[in-house]
N, C-alpha and C. Protein backbone atom coordinates (compact mmCIF):
# COMPACT_ATOMS: atom_id res chain seq x y z
N UNK A 1 83.49 103.13 9.42
CA UNK A 1 82.43 103.60 8.40
C UNK A 1 82.18 102.63 8.20
N UNK A 2 80.53 102.94 7.98
CA UNK A 2 79.80 102.33 7.33
C UNK A 2 79.79 102.37 5.73
N UNK A 3 79.68 101.45 4.83
CA UNK A 3 79.47 101.53 3.49
C UNK A 3 78.06 102.59 3.22
N UNK A 4 77.75 103.53 2.04
CA UNK A 4 76.61 103.54 1.53
C UNK A 4 76.13 102.46 0.64
N UNK A 5 74.64 103.16 0.21
CA UNK A 5 74.00 102.44 -0.03
C UNK A 5 75.09 102.09 -1.75
N UNK A 6 75.08 103.51 -1.97
CA UNK A 6 75.76 103.59 -3.67
C UNK A 6 76.80 102.52 -3.80
N UNK A 7 77.42 102.53 -2.34
CA UNK A 7 79.29 102.03 -2.95
C UNK A 7 78.95 100.78 -2.41
N UNK A 8 77.70 100.24 -1.44
CA UNK A 8 77.61 99.07 -1.71
C UNK A 8 76.52 98.26 -3.32
N UNK A 9 75.60 98.79 -3.84
CA UNK A 9 75.68 99.15 -4.87
C UNK A 9 76.52 98.58 -6.18
N UNK A 10 78.26 99.31 -5.83
CA UNK A 10 79.04 99.47 -6.92
C UNK A 10 79.48 97.89 -6.62
N UNK A 11 79.60 97.34 -5.09
CA UNK A 11 80.48 96.41 -5.24
C UNK A 11 79.31 94.99 -5.96
N UNK A 12 77.75 94.74 -5.59
CA UNK A 12 76.96 94.38 -6.77
C UNK A 12 77.52 94.11 -7.68
N UNK A 13 77.41 95.52 -8.71
CA UNK A 13 77.83 95.40 -9.98
C UNK A 13 79.46 94.44 -10.22
N UNK A 14 79.97 94.63 -9.36
CA UNK A 14 81.26 93.97 -9.51
C UNK A 14 80.98 92.84 -9.61
N UNK A 15 79.92 92.53 -8.69
CA UNK A 15 80.37 90.66 -8.44
C UNK A 15 79.04 90.53 -10.04
N UNK A 16 77.96 91.26 -10.33
CA UNK A 16 77.11 90.60 -11.74
C UNK A 16 78.55 90.46 -13.22
N UNK A 17 78.96 91.62 -12.61
CA UNK A 17 80.70 91.43 -14.07
C UNK A 17 81.24 90.38 -14.23
N UNK A 18 81.44 89.97 -12.78
CA UNK A 18 82.04 88.59 -12.58
C UNK A 18 81.21 87.29 -12.63
N UNK A 19 79.42 87.23 -13.07
CA UNK A 19 79.48 85.78 -13.00
C UNK A 19 78.89 85.43 -11.74
N UNK A 20 79.10 86.41 -10.75
CA UNK A 20 78.58 85.49 -9.34
C UNK A 20 77.19 86.07 -9.40
N UNK A 21 76.24 85.44 -9.82
CA UNK A 21 74.84 85.58 -9.75
C UNK A 21 74.14 84.09 -8.92
N UNK A 22 74.70 83.56 -8.12
CA UNK A 22 74.76 82.64 -7.70
C UNK A 22 74.30 82.67 -6.01
N UNK A 23 73.00 82.91 -5.31
CA UNK A 23 72.75 83.45 -4.17
C UNK A 23 72.80 82.75 -2.97
N UNK A 24 73.86 81.72 -3.35
CA UNK A 24 74.10 80.94 -2.02
C UNK A 24 75.73 81.12 -1.57
N UNK A 25 76.46 81.70 -2.90
CA UNK A 25 77.50 82.45 -2.63
C UNK A 25 77.37 83.44 -2.98
N UNK A 26 76.96 84.36 -3.38
CA UNK A 26 76.50 86.12 -3.70
C UNK A 26 76.38 86.62 -2.51
N UNK A 27 76.00 86.42 -1.62
CA UNK A 27 75.43 87.21 -0.29
C UNK A 27 76.78 87.18 0.31
N UNK A 28 77.32 85.90 0.46
CA UNK A 28 78.49 85.45 1.40
C UNK A 28 80.14 86.63 1.12
N UNK A 29 80.13 86.20 -0.30
CA UNK A 29 81.18 87.41 -0.84
C UNK A 29 80.89 88.30 -0.58
N UNK A 30 79.71 89.02 -1.18
CA UNK A 30 79.15 90.66 -1.33
C UNK A 30 79.84 90.96 0.90
N UNK A 31 79.08 90.26 1.22
CA UNK A 31 79.54 90.46 2.96
C UNK A 31 81.41 90.40 3.44
N UNK A 32 82.10 89.21 2.79
CA UNK A 32 83.20 89.75 2.65
C UNK A 32 83.90 90.80 2.58
N UNK A 33 83.35 91.07 0.93
CA UNK A 33 84.25 92.52 0.30
C UNK A 33 83.72 93.40 1.04
N UNK A 34 82.55 93.86 1.53
CA UNK A 34 82.45 94.85 2.34
C UNK A 34 82.63 95.14 3.55
N UNK A 35 83.33 93.64 4.48
CA UNK A 35 84.15 93.94 5.62
C UNK A 35 85.60 94.52 5.01
N UNK A 36 85.81 93.52 3.93
CA UNK A 36 87.28 94.00 4.02
C UNK A 36 87.64 95.48 3.32
N UNK A 37 86.30 96.12 2.61
CA UNK A 37 86.48 97.84 2.13
C UNK A 37 86.74 98.09 3.37
N UNK A 38 85.57 98.10 4.31
CA UNK A 38 85.64 98.70 5.84
C UNK A 38 86.66 98.67 6.82
N UNK A 39 87.65 97.99 6.58
CA UNK A 39 88.62 97.13 7.07
C UNK A 39 89.79 98.23 6.72
N UNK A 40 90.25 98.17 5.66
CA UNK A 40 90.46 99.22 4.95
C UNK A 40 90.56 100.53 4.73
N UNK A 41 89.09 101.01 5.13
CA UNK A 41 89.23 102.58 4.87
C UNK A 41 89.36 103.04 6.27
N UNK A 42 88.61 102.20 7.80
CA UNK A 42 88.80 102.39 8.76
C UNK A 42 90.28 102.50 9.23
N UNK A 43 90.57 101.32 8.65
CA UNK A 43 92.34 101.32 9.27
C UNK A 43 93.25 101.94 8.69
N UNK A 44 93.37 102.27 7.27
CA UNK A 44 94.58 103.22 6.64
C UNK A 44 94.27 104.34 6.13
N UNK A 45 92.48 104.37 6.29
CA UNK A 45 92.28 106.03 6.27
C UNK A 45 92.17 106.26 4.71
N UNK A 46 91.92 105.82 3.56
CA UNK A 46 92.22 105.55 2.36
C UNK A 46 90.60 105.97 1.71
N UNK A 47 90.52 106.49 0.86
CA UNK A 47 89.24 106.43 0.22
C UNK A 47 88.80 105.32 -0.26
N UNK A 48 87.17 105.35 -0.11
CA UNK A 48 86.65 103.56 -0.84
C UNK A 48 87.09 103.26 -2.10
N UNK A 49 87.30 104.40 -3.06
CA UNK A 49 87.16 103.72 -4.76
C UNK A 49 88.63 103.00 -3.93
N UNK A 50 89.87 103.85 -3.70
CA UNK A 50 91.03 102.95 -3.87
C UNK A 50 91.02 101.97 -2.71
N UNK A 51 90.40 101.70 -2.10
CA UNK A 51 90.20 100.55 -1.26
C UNK A 51 89.36 99.43 -1.73
N UNK A 52 87.79 99.58 -2.27
CA UNK A 52 87.73 99.05 -3.96
C UNK A 52 88.69 98.28 -4.46
N UNK A 53 89.50 98.81 -5.25
CA UNK A 53 90.43 98.47 -6.57
C UNK A 53 91.24 97.74 -5.87
N UNK A 54 91.43 97.92 -4.78
CA UNK A 54 92.56 96.84 -3.60
C UNK A 54 91.89 95.43 -3.37
N UNK A 55 90.60 95.79 -3.14
CA UNK A 55 90.16 94.41 -2.30
C UNK A 55 89.40 93.27 -3.80
N UNK A 56 89.31 94.42 -4.69
CA UNK A 56 88.60 93.19 -5.52
C UNK A 56 89.89 93.07 -6.78
N UNK A 57 91.20 93.60 -6.49
CA UNK A 57 92.08 93.36 -7.61
C UNK A 57 92.42 91.78 -6.14
N UNK A 58 92.23 91.60 -5.66
CA UNK A 58 92.36 90.08 -4.46
C UNK A 58 91.38 89.08 -4.62
N UNK A 59 90.29 89.32 -5.06
CA UNK A 59 89.52 88.53 -5.45
C UNK A 59 89.00 88.39 -6.72
N UNK A 60 90.07 89.30 -7.60
CA UNK A 60 89.85 88.46 -9.30
C UNK A 60 90.35 86.69 -9.09
N UNK A 61 91.55 86.62 -8.27
CA UNK A 61 91.69 85.92 -9.03
C UNK A 61 91.41 84.18 -8.28
N UNK A 62 89.97 84.19 -8.04
CA UNK A 62 88.79 83.53 -7.58
C UNK A 62 87.59 83.52 -8.62
N UNK A 63 87.47 84.38 -9.42
CA UNK A 63 86.42 84.98 -10.44
C UNK A 63 86.65 84.46 -11.89
N UNK A 64 87.93 84.28 -12.03
CA UNK A 64 88.19 83.88 -13.52
C UNK A 64 87.19 82.79 -14.03
N UNK A 65 87.17 82.72 -14.72
CA UNK A 65 86.35 81.72 -15.72
C UNK A 65 87.21 80.29 -15.97
N UNK A 66 86.20 79.46 -15.75
CA UNK A 66 87.29 78.05 -16.25
C UNK A 66 86.38 76.83 -16.17
N UNK A 67 86.69 75.69 -16.46
CA UNK A 67 85.91 74.28 -16.74
C UNK A 67 86.54 72.94 -15.83
N UNK A 68 86.10 72.22 -16.23
CA UNK A 68 86.09 71.16 -15.21
C UNK A 68 85.91 70.05 -16.23
N UNK A 69 86.53 69.09 -16.47
CA UNK A 69 86.39 67.41 -16.63
C UNK A 69 85.34 66.55 -15.92
N UNK A 70 85.24 67.47 -14.88
CA UNK A 70 84.25 66.62 -13.79
C UNK A 70 82.93 66.83 -14.38
N UNK A 71 82.12 68.05 -14.75
CA UNK A 71 81.04 68.81 -15.76
C UNK A 71 81.06 68.43 -17.37
N UNK A 72 82.60 68.81 -17.67
CA UNK A 72 82.68 68.65 -19.19
C UNK A 72 83.02 70.02 -19.79
N UNK A 73 84.02 69.70 -20.54
CA UNK A 73 85.07 71.58 -20.79
C UNK A 73 83.89 72.06 -21.63
N UNK A 74 82.68 72.10 -21.66
CA UNK A 74 82.02 72.91 -22.53
C UNK A 74 81.47 74.04 -21.57
N UNK A 75 81.36 73.69 -20.14
CA UNK A 75 80.18 73.89 -19.37
C UNK A 75 81.46 75.35 -18.57
N UNK A 76 81.17 76.55 -18.62
CA UNK A 76 82.39 77.61 -17.52
C UNK A 76 81.38 77.83 -16.70
N UNK A 77 82.20 78.49 -16.01
CA UNK A 77 81.94 78.61 -14.33
C UNK A 77 83.06 80.27 -13.61
N UNK A 78 82.86 80.99 -13.01
CA UNK A 78 84.23 81.46 -12.07
C UNK A 78 84.43 80.36 -11.69
N UNK A 79 85.91 80.32 -11.31
CA UNK A 79 86.67 79.56 -9.78
C UNK A 79 85.73 79.12 -8.92
N UNK A 80 85.31 80.13 -8.26
CA UNK A 80 85.28 80.13 -6.55
C UNK A 80 83.76 79.48 -6.79
N UNK A 81 82.71 79.68 -7.85
CA UNK A 81 81.35 78.33 -8.54
C UNK A 81 81.65 77.08 -8.57
N UNK A 82 82.90 76.91 -9.50
CA UNK A 82 83.20 75.48 -10.02
C UNK A 82 83.53 75.06 -8.89
N UNK A 83 83.99 75.46 -7.89
CA UNK A 83 85.27 74.74 -6.49
C UNK A 83 83.96 74.05 -5.91
N UNK A 84 83.06 75.03 -5.18
CA UNK A 84 81.66 74.44 -4.78
C UNK A 84 80.65 73.57 -5.28
N UNK A 85 80.73 73.76 -6.32
CA UNK A 85 80.35 72.78 -7.08
C UNK A 85 80.60 71.69 -7.22
N UNK A 86 81.93 70.91 -7.48
CA UNK A 86 82.99 70.30 -7.06
C UNK A 86 82.41 69.32 -6.02
N UNK A 87 82.56 70.28 -5.06
CA UNK A 87 82.57 69.34 -3.69
C UNK A 87 81.28 68.69 -3.53
N UNK A 88 79.60 69.77 -4.12
CA UNK A 88 79.17 68.97 -3.60
C UNK A 88 78.35 67.87 -4.71
N UNK A 89 79.03 67.75 -6.04
CA UNK A 89 78.69 66.77 -7.10
C UNK A 89 79.25 65.58 -7.15
N UNK A 90 80.89 65.55 -5.96
CA UNK A 90 82.03 64.73 -6.26
C UNK A 90 81.60 63.53 -6.35
N UNK A 91 80.62 63.80 -4.69
CA UNK A 91 80.72 62.22 -4.49
C UNK A 91 79.59 60.77 -5.28
N UNK A 92 78.24 62.16 -5.99
CA UNK A 92 78.01 61.59 -6.87
C UNK A 92 78.65 60.56 -8.14
N UNK A 93 79.31 61.35 -8.37
CA UNK A 93 80.40 61.24 -9.34
C UNK A 93 81.37 60.14 -9.58
N UNK A 94 81.98 59.52 -7.97
CA UNK A 94 82.73 58.57 -7.01
C UNK A 94 80.97 57.42 -7.14
N UNK A 95 80.29 57.37 -7.40
CA UNK A 95 79.23 56.10 -6.31
C UNK A 95 79.25 56.08 -8.47
N UNK A 96 79.07 57.11 -9.53
CA UNK A 96 78.95 56.63 -10.50
C UNK A 96 79.98 55.98 -11.44
N UNK A 97 81.48 56.47 -11.46
CA UNK A 97 82.92 55.72 -11.64
C UNK A 97 82.61 54.32 -11.02
N UNK A 98 82.50 54.08 -9.33
CA UNK A 98 82.01 52.66 -8.86
C UNK A 98 81.22 51.75 -9.93
N UNK A 99 80.42 52.24 -10.01
CA UNK A 99 79.56 50.77 -10.86
C UNK A 99 80.06 51.26 -11.88
N UNK A 100 80.84 51.71 -12.50
CA UNK A 100 81.28 51.25 -13.93
C UNK A 100 82.01 50.00 -13.81
N UNK A 101 82.48 49.71 -12.93
CA UNK A 101 83.22 48.45 -11.99
C UNK A 101 82.62 47.08 -11.90
N UNK A 102 81.35 47.21 -11.70
CA UNK A 102 80.31 46.52 -11.47
C UNK A 102 79.53 45.96 -12.88
N UNK A 103 80.05 46.72 -13.55
CA UNK A 103 79.35 46.57 -15.31
C UNK A 103 79.82 44.69 -15.62
N UNK A 104 78.45 44.14 -15.82
CA UNK A 104 78.45 43.24 -15.85
C UNK A 104 79.00 42.40 -17.34
N UNK A 105 79.62 41.64 -17.79
CA UNK A 105 80.43 40.85 -18.98
C UNK A 105 79.50 40.32 -19.98
N UNK A 106 79.72 40.42 -20.86
CA UNK A 106 78.55 39.80 -21.71
C UNK A 106 78.37 38.15 -21.73
N UNK A 107 79.26 37.53 -21.44
CA UNK A 107 80.04 36.11 -21.10
C UNK A 107 78.67 35.40 -19.63
N UNK A 108 78.10 36.07 -18.79
CA UNK A 108 77.75 35.77 -18.16
C UNK A 108 76.17 36.24 -17.92
N UNK A 109 76.09 36.84 -19.27
CA UNK A 109 74.35 37.53 -18.84
C UNK A 109 73.42 36.36 -18.85
N UNK A 110 71.81 37.24 -18.30
CA UNK A 110 71.22 36.12 -18.10
C UNK A 110 69.58 36.58 -19.08
N UNK A 111 69.59 35.83 -19.88
CA UNK A 111 68.50 36.11 -21.02
C UNK A 111 67.08 37.04 -20.56
N UNK A 112 66.58 37.71 -20.63
CA UNK A 112 65.51 38.57 -20.24
C UNK A 112 64.16 38.40 -21.43
N UNK A 113 63.21 38.20 -20.48
CA UNK A 113 61.90 38.25 -21.72
C UNK A 113 61.81 39.25 -22.74
N UNK A 114 60.38 39.62 -23.03
CA UNK A 114 60.23 40.56 -24.11
C UNK A 114 59.63 41.69 -23.31
N UNK A 115 58.86 40.79 -22.18
CA UNK A 115 57.68 41.64 -21.57
C UNK A 115 58.92 42.17 -20.29
N UNK A 116 59.81 41.69 -19.94
CA UNK A 116 60.86 42.39 -18.75
C UNK A 116 61.56 43.48 -19.53
N UNK A 117 61.75 43.22 -20.75
CA UNK A 117 62.53 44.47 -21.33
C UNK A 117 62.00 45.48 -21.67
N UNK A 118 60.23 45.30 -21.83
CA UNK A 118 59.40 46.16 -21.74
C UNK A 118 59.22 47.06 -20.86
N UNK A 119 59.21 46.47 -19.45
CA UNK A 119 58.77 47.00 -17.90
C UNK A 119 60.18 47.80 -17.77
N UNK A 120 61.32 47.74 -18.10
CA UNK A 120 62.91 47.89 -17.81
C UNK A 120 62.57 49.32 -18.57
N UNK A 121 62.27 48.68 -19.83
CA UNK A 121 63.34 50.52 -20.73
C UNK A 121 61.56 51.29 -20.62
N UNK A 122 60.14 50.69 -19.53
CA UNK A 122 59.30 52.25 -19.09
C UNK A 122 60.08 52.60 -17.86
N UNK A 123 60.43 51.34 -16.96
CA UNK A 123 60.96 52.42 -16.28
C UNK A 123 62.17 53.59 -16.26
N UNK A 124 63.00 53.12 -17.08
CA UNK A 124 64.16 53.47 -17.50
C UNK A 124 63.59 55.19 -17.64
N UNK A 125 62.63 55.20 -18.51
CA UNK A 125 61.93 56.31 -19.22
C UNK A 125 61.47 57.39 -18.51
N UNK A 126 60.34 56.60 -17.81
CA UNK A 126 59.89 57.46 -16.49
C UNK A 126 60.96 57.93 -15.36
N UNK A 127 62.18 57.69 -15.04
CA UNK A 127 62.98 57.79 -14.35
C UNK A 127 63.90 59.26 -14.91
N UNK A 128 64.12 59.00 -16.25
CA UNK A 128 64.83 59.59 -16.88
C UNK A 128 63.75 60.86 -17.68
N UNK A 129 63.09 61.07 -17.41
CA UNK A 129 61.81 61.95 -17.47
C UNK A 129 61.45 62.74 -16.61
N UNK A 130 61.21 62.04 -15.48
CA UNK A 130 61.01 63.12 -13.81
C UNK A 130 62.74 63.62 -13.88
N UNK A 131 63.84 63.04 -13.81
CA UNK A 131 65.24 63.53 -13.72
C UNK A 131 65.40 65.18 -14.56
N UNK A 132 64.72 64.97 -15.96
CA UNK A 132 64.52 65.77 -16.72
C UNK A 132 64.18 67.10 -15.77
N UNK A 133 63.24 66.89 -15.87
CA UNK A 133 61.90 67.86 -15.14
C UNK A 133 62.71 68.56 -13.86
N UNK A 134 63.39 68.05 -13.57
CA UNK A 134 63.54 68.15 -12.09
C UNK A 134 64.95 69.37 -12.49
N UNK A 135 65.75 68.42 -12.57
CA UNK A 135 66.99 69.19 -13.40
C UNK A 135 66.31 70.53 -14.07
N UNK A 136 65.48 70.87 -15.00
CA UNK A 136 65.07 71.71 -15.46
C UNK A 136 63.96 73.10 -15.00
N UNK A 137 63.73 72.41 -13.73
CA UNK A 137 63.32 73.42 -13.21
C UNK A 137 64.05 74.30 -12.28
N UNK A 138 65.06 73.50 -12.08
CA UNK A 138 66.40 74.55 -10.56
C UNK A 138 67.38 75.49 -12.30
N UNK A 139 67.59 74.39 -13.49
CA UNK A 139 68.06 75.18 -14.43
C UNK A 139 67.66 76.56 -14.84
N UNK A 140 66.04 76.40 -14.81
CA UNK A 140 65.69 77.49 -15.58
C UNK A 140 64.72 78.34 -14.09
N UNK A 141 64.69 78.21 -13.19
CA UNK A 141 64.78 79.43 -11.68
C UNK A 141 65.37 80.09 -12.02
N UNK A 142 64.41 81.55 -11.72
CA UNK A 142 65.11 82.92 -11.71
C UNK A 142 66.14 83.28 -10.87
N UNK A 143 66.14 82.52 -9.65
CA UNK A 143 67.53 82.83 -8.65
C UNK A 143 68.15 81.49 -8.88
N UNK A 144 69.31 82.27 -9.44
CA UNK A 144 70.08 81.15 -9.26
C UNK A 144 71.08 80.42 -8.02
N UNK A 145 71.46 79.27 -8.15
CA UNK A 145 72.12 78.86 -6.79
C UNK A 145 73.00 77.71 -7.99
N UNK A 146 74.57 77.56 -7.02
CA UNK A 146 75.20 76.44 -7.51
C UNK A 146 74.73 75.45 -8.56
N UNK A 147 73.60 74.69 -7.46
CA UNK A 147 72.85 73.60 -7.91
C UNK A 147 72.04 74.58 -9.82
N UNK A 148 72.08 75.21 -9.93
CA UNK A 148 71.50 75.73 -10.93
C UNK A 148 72.40 75.31 -12.23
N UNK A 149 73.96 76.05 -11.75
CA UNK A 149 74.95 74.97 -12.49
C UNK A 149 75.12 73.41 -12.89
N UNK A 150 75.32 72.82 -11.73
CA UNK A 150 74.92 71.49 -11.68
C UNK A 150 74.26 71.10 -12.68
N UNK A 151 72.68 71.58 -12.65
CA UNK A 151 71.80 70.76 -13.08
C UNK A 151 71.58 71.07 -14.55
N UNK A 152 72.23 72.17 -14.92
CA UNK A 152 72.70 72.43 -16.31
C UNK A 152 73.58 71.16 -17.28
N UNK A 153 74.40 71.22 -16.49
CA UNK A 153 75.36 70.30 -16.85
C UNK A 153 74.74 68.62 -16.77
N UNK A 154 74.04 68.19 -15.73
CA UNK A 154 73.43 66.82 -15.65
C UNK A 154 72.36 66.41 -17.11
N UNK A 155 71.54 67.78 -17.45
CA UNK A 155 70.81 67.79 -18.70
C UNK A 155 70.97 66.73 -19.58
N UNK A 156 72.25 67.08 -19.92
CA UNK A 156 72.62 66.22 -21.56
C UNK A 156 73.07 64.76 -20.77
N UNK A 157 73.29 64.04 -19.53
CA UNK A 157 73.73 63.32 -19.02
C UNK A 157 71.97 62.50 -19.12
N UNK A 158 71.36 62.66 -18.63
CA UNK A 158 69.88 62.41 -18.70
C UNK A 158 69.10 62.16 -20.34
N UNK A 159 69.65 63.21 -21.25
CA UNK A 159 69.23 63.33 -22.68
C UNK A 159 70.08 62.15 -23.40
N UNK A 160 71.03 61.78 -22.61
CA UNK A 160 71.79 60.92 -23.20
C UNK A 160 71.40 59.06 -23.51
N UNK A 161 70.63 58.95 -21.60
CA UNK A 161 70.18 57.86 -21.59
C UNK A 161 69.18 57.00 -23.17
N UNK A 162 68.11 57.62 -23.56
CA UNK A 162 67.82 56.65 -24.66
C UNK A 162 68.55 56.78 -25.31
N UNK A 163 69.93 56.88 -25.89
CA UNK A 163 70.77 56.72 -26.45
C UNK A 163 71.21 55.31 -26.22
N UNK A 164 71.48 55.58 -25.03
CA UNK A 164 71.96 53.58 -25.09
C UNK A 164 71.40 52.78 -23.98
N UNK A 165 69.69 53.13 -24.00
CA UNK A 165 68.80 52.50 -23.34
C UNK A 165 68.33 51.09 -24.20
N UNK A 166 69.27 50.86 -25.12
CA UNK A 166 69.46 49.36 -25.84
C UNK A 166 69.99 48.85 -25.19
N UNK A 167 71.13 48.78 -23.89
CA UNK A 167 71.51 47.95 -23.58
C UNK A 167 70.63 46.83 -22.75
N UNK A 168 69.64 47.66 -22.57
CA UNK A 168 69.07 46.48 -21.61
C UNK A 168 68.41 45.31 -22.47
N UNK A 169 68.82 45.08 -24.20
CA UNK A 169 68.51 44.67 -24.27
C UNK A 169 69.24 42.76 -24.61
N UNK A 170 70.78 43.46 -23.40
CA UNK A 170 71.78 42.26 -23.79
C UNK A 170 71.57 41.47 -22.87
N UNK A 171 71.15 41.41 -21.73
CA UNK A 171 70.58 40.70 -20.41
C UNK A 171 70.27 41.52 -19.02
N UNK A 172 70.07 40.54 -18.07
CA UNK A 172 69.11 40.84 -16.73
C UNK A 172 70.37 41.71 -16.24
N UNK A 173 71.51 41.13 -15.84
CA UNK A 173 72.54 41.88 -15.16
C UNK A 173 72.67 43.41 -15.89
N UNK A 174 73.35 43.50 -17.71
CA UNK A 174 73.27 44.97 -17.36
C UNK A 174 72.09 45.65 -17.56
N UNK A 175 70.76 45.22 -17.44
CA UNK A 175 69.64 46.18 -17.26
C UNK A 175 69.75 46.24 -15.64
N UNK A 176 69.64 45.79 -15.02
CA UNK A 176 70.06 46.33 -13.39
C UNK A 176 70.86 47.45 -13.01
N UNK A 177 72.86 47.37 -13.66
CA UNK A 177 73.08 47.91 -13.91
C UNK A 177 72.86 49.08 -14.22
N UNK A 178 72.03 49.07 -15.25
CA UNK A 178 72.00 50.37 -16.40
C UNK A 178 70.79 51.21 -15.60
N UNK A 179 69.63 50.21 -14.62
CA UNK A 179 68.30 51.10 -13.90
C UNK A 179 69.27 51.22 -12.52
N UNK A 180 70.02 50.94 -11.94
CA UNK A 180 70.58 52.11 -10.94
C UNK A 180 71.53 53.04 -11.22
N UNK A 181 72.16 53.04 -12.60
CA UNK A 181 72.72 54.71 -13.05
C UNK A 181 71.28 55.11 -12.87
N UNK A 182 70.25 54.96 -13.48
CA UNK A 182 69.34 55.96 -13.76
C UNK A 182 68.64 56.27 -12.45
N UNK A 183 68.89 55.49 -11.61
CA UNK A 183 67.78 55.75 -10.38
C UNK A 183 68.42 56.93 -9.66
N UNK A 184 70.15 56.59 -9.83
CA UNK A 184 70.94 57.33 -8.83
C UNK A 184 71.17 58.73 -9.47
N UNK A 185 70.90 59.04 -11.16
CA UNK A 185 70.31 60.42 -11.46
C UNK A 185 69.16 60.74 -11.30
N UNK A 186 68.39 59.95 -11.29
CA UNK A 186 66.81 60.74 -10.53
C UNK A 186 66.87 60.54 -8.92
N UNK A 187 67.67 60.22 -8.35
CA UNK A 187 67.41 60.80 -6.76
C UNK A 187 68.60 62.11 -6.89
N UNK A 188 69.24 62.18 -7.40
CA UNK A 188 70.13 63.58 -7.51
C UNK A 188 69.68 65.04 -7.52
N UNK A 189 68.71 64.49 -8.67
CA UNK A 189 67.81 65.79 -9.26
C UNK A 189 66.66 65.92 -8.32
N UNK A 190 66.30 64.99 -7.67
CA UNK A 190 65.10 65.40 -6.22
C UNK A 190 65.51 66.01 -5.13
N UNK A 191 67.10 65.43 -4.79
CA UNK A 191 68.10 66.35 -3.60
C UNK A 191 67.92 67.75 -4.50
N UNK A 192 68.65 67.53 -5.72
CA UNK A 192 69.66 69.20 -5.98
C UNK A 192 68.14 70.00 -5.93
N UNK A 193 66.62 69.48 -6.70
CA UNK A 193 65.99 70.43 -6.46
C UNK A 193 65.46 70.60 -4.81
N UNK A 194 65.81 70.15 -3.87
CA UNK A 194 65.07 70.18 -2.78
C UNK A 194 65.82 71.30 -1.77
N UNK A 195 67.25 71.08 -2.46
CA UNK A 195 68.52 72.51 -1.79
C UNK A 195 68.23 73.64 -2.45
N UNK A 196 68.05 73.28 -3.65
CA UNK A 196 67.78 74.26 -4.76
C UNK A 196 66.65 75.49 -3.86
N UNK A 197 65.36 74.68 -4.03
CA UNK A 197 64.76 75.64 -3.14
C UNK A 197 64.92 76.11 -1.60
N UNK A 198 65.37 74.99 -1.12
CA UNK A 198 66.07 75.70 0.41
C UNK A 198 66.43 76.90 0.88
N UNK A 199 67.72 77.12 -0.43
CA UNK A 199 68.23 78.20 -0.84
C UNK A 199 67.61 79.26 -0.72
N UNK A 200 66.82 79.19 -1.92
CA UNK A 200 65.84 80.29 -2.61
C UNK A 200 65.11 80.84 -1.45
N UNK A 201 64.78 79.90 -0.94
CA UNK A 201 63.83 80.44 0.30
C UNK A 201 64.45 81.39 1.37
N UNK A 202 65.79 80.66 1.83
CA UNK A 202 66.22 81.30 2.77
C UNK A 202 66.74 82.85 2.72
N UNK A 203 67.08 82.76 0.71
CA UNK A 203 67.42 84.02 0.33
C UNK A 203 66.21 85.30 -0.29
N UNK A 204 65.48 84.84 -0.12
CA UNK A 204 63.75 85.32 -0.67
C UNK A 204 63.86 87.14 0.65
């Protein structure tokens, strides 16, 4: 027996209540739940409501709101969403972390001219502004993906850069390290926007 339109709508309402609004996972989860309910109805001969309650009880364990140190404790999402977001973002986080070990020691710094400082600050601000625009496009898109959640957490990182931009005044080595990190965020913002658009187009 195939589920009716109203029964499928009931499942969609359940997903809404659990915060599963991200299209790249929503349709996959919806298909799994529909299939499980149909199997229980056809295999056990029980009513839809009983099968719905039984199946959704199993899925509840994946939908509770949680957070992660990887993104910041203030950002919460259903566990299933957060798990996928961590898989996507982890490689970028590892590169960020490894770059910290390359942070130059002050006693081996090379002084830079005022003009070069100005150029470095200009490039850093340009990368920061473009990154902010890209992340904001993903965040404010009407169709949400897991990249929307990641972008929401990364905006704060971009906004923080103007605060630490004074670091470039310490010398050439620090400036190069600083620009590398800004470029990495800039690059990730381009990748996330591209991936987000591809997913939205796929599910339109």
